[in-house]
Structure formats: C-alpha cells, structure tokens
C-alpha cells in the first residue's frame, strides 16, 4: 500500500487495505459481498 497507493482502487479486496479491524466474535447479521451488492442495487 505504501509503495502503490493505487491498490485502494485496483485491488480493494487484496492489497489495497488501509487498515484491518479485528473483532471479538462475529455478528450474526453480517452480509456477504454478494448479499450487499444485491441489497445496495435495490436502493
């Protein structure tokens, strides 16, 4: 990321992370990427 800031746009799910978040436990109601795409397409 430091060497190639364009990764934010070109590889957001691979090397384009700005930060990582670690949570203690995973909420039951998180959407998958496909579910979110379908949800946001309807809005």
Protein backbone atom coordinates (compact mmCIF):
# COMPACT_ATOMS: atom_id res chain seq x y z
CA UNK A 1 0.00 0.00 0.00
CA UNK A 2 2.78 2.44 0.84
CA UNK A 3 4.59 1.61 -2.40
CA UNK A 4 1.48 1.68 -4.60
CA UNK A 5 -1.48 3.76 -3.30
CA UNK A 6 -3.50 2.93 -6.43
CA UNK A 7 -4.16 -0.50 -4.88
CA UNK A 8 -7.04 1.10 -2.98
CA UNK A 9 -8.88 1.35 -6.31
CA UNK A 10 -7.42 -1.57 -8.25
CA UNK A 11 -7.23 -4.30 -5.58
CA UNK A 12 -9.52 -3.34 -2.67
CA UNK A 13 -10.01 -6.95 -1.53
CA UNK A 14 -6.34 -7.96 -1.89
CA UNK A 15 -3.52 -5.45 -1.29
CA UNK A 16 -5.46 -2.19 -1.07
CA UNK A 17 -6.25 -2.26 2.64
CA UNK A 18 -5.90 0.99 4.57
CA UNK A 19 -6.34 -0.78 7.90
CA UNK A 20 -7.54 -4.08 9.31
CA UNK A 21 -10.09 -4.50 12.08
CA UNK A 22 -10.14 -7.43 14.44
CA UNK A 23 -13.40 -8.04 16.29
CA UNK A 24 -14.09 -10.28 19.24
CA UNK A 25 -16.79 -12.53 17.78
CA UNK A 26 -18.72 -12.10 14.56
CA UNK A 27 -22.23 -10.61 14.49
CA UNK A 28 -24.91 -12.95 13.19
CA UNK A 29 -26.37 -10.46 10.72
CA UNK A 30 -23.40 -9.55 8.50
CA UNK A 31 -24.00 -9.61 4.75
CA UNK A 32 -21.73 -11.37 2.28
CA UNK A 33 -20.30 -9.30 -0.58
CA UNK A 34 -22.96 -10.72 -2.94
CA UNK A 35 -25.78 -10.03 -0.48
CA UNK A 36 -24.58 -6.45 -0.01
CA UNK A 37 -24.36 -5.90 -3.79
CA UNK A 38 -27.94 -7.13 -4.20
CA UNK A 39 -29.11 -5.01 -1.27
CA UNK A 40 -27.40 -1.82 -2.46
CA UNK A 41 -28.57 -2.33 -6.07
CA UNK A 42 -32.17 -2.08 -4.84
CA UNK A 43 -31.63 1.31 -3.16
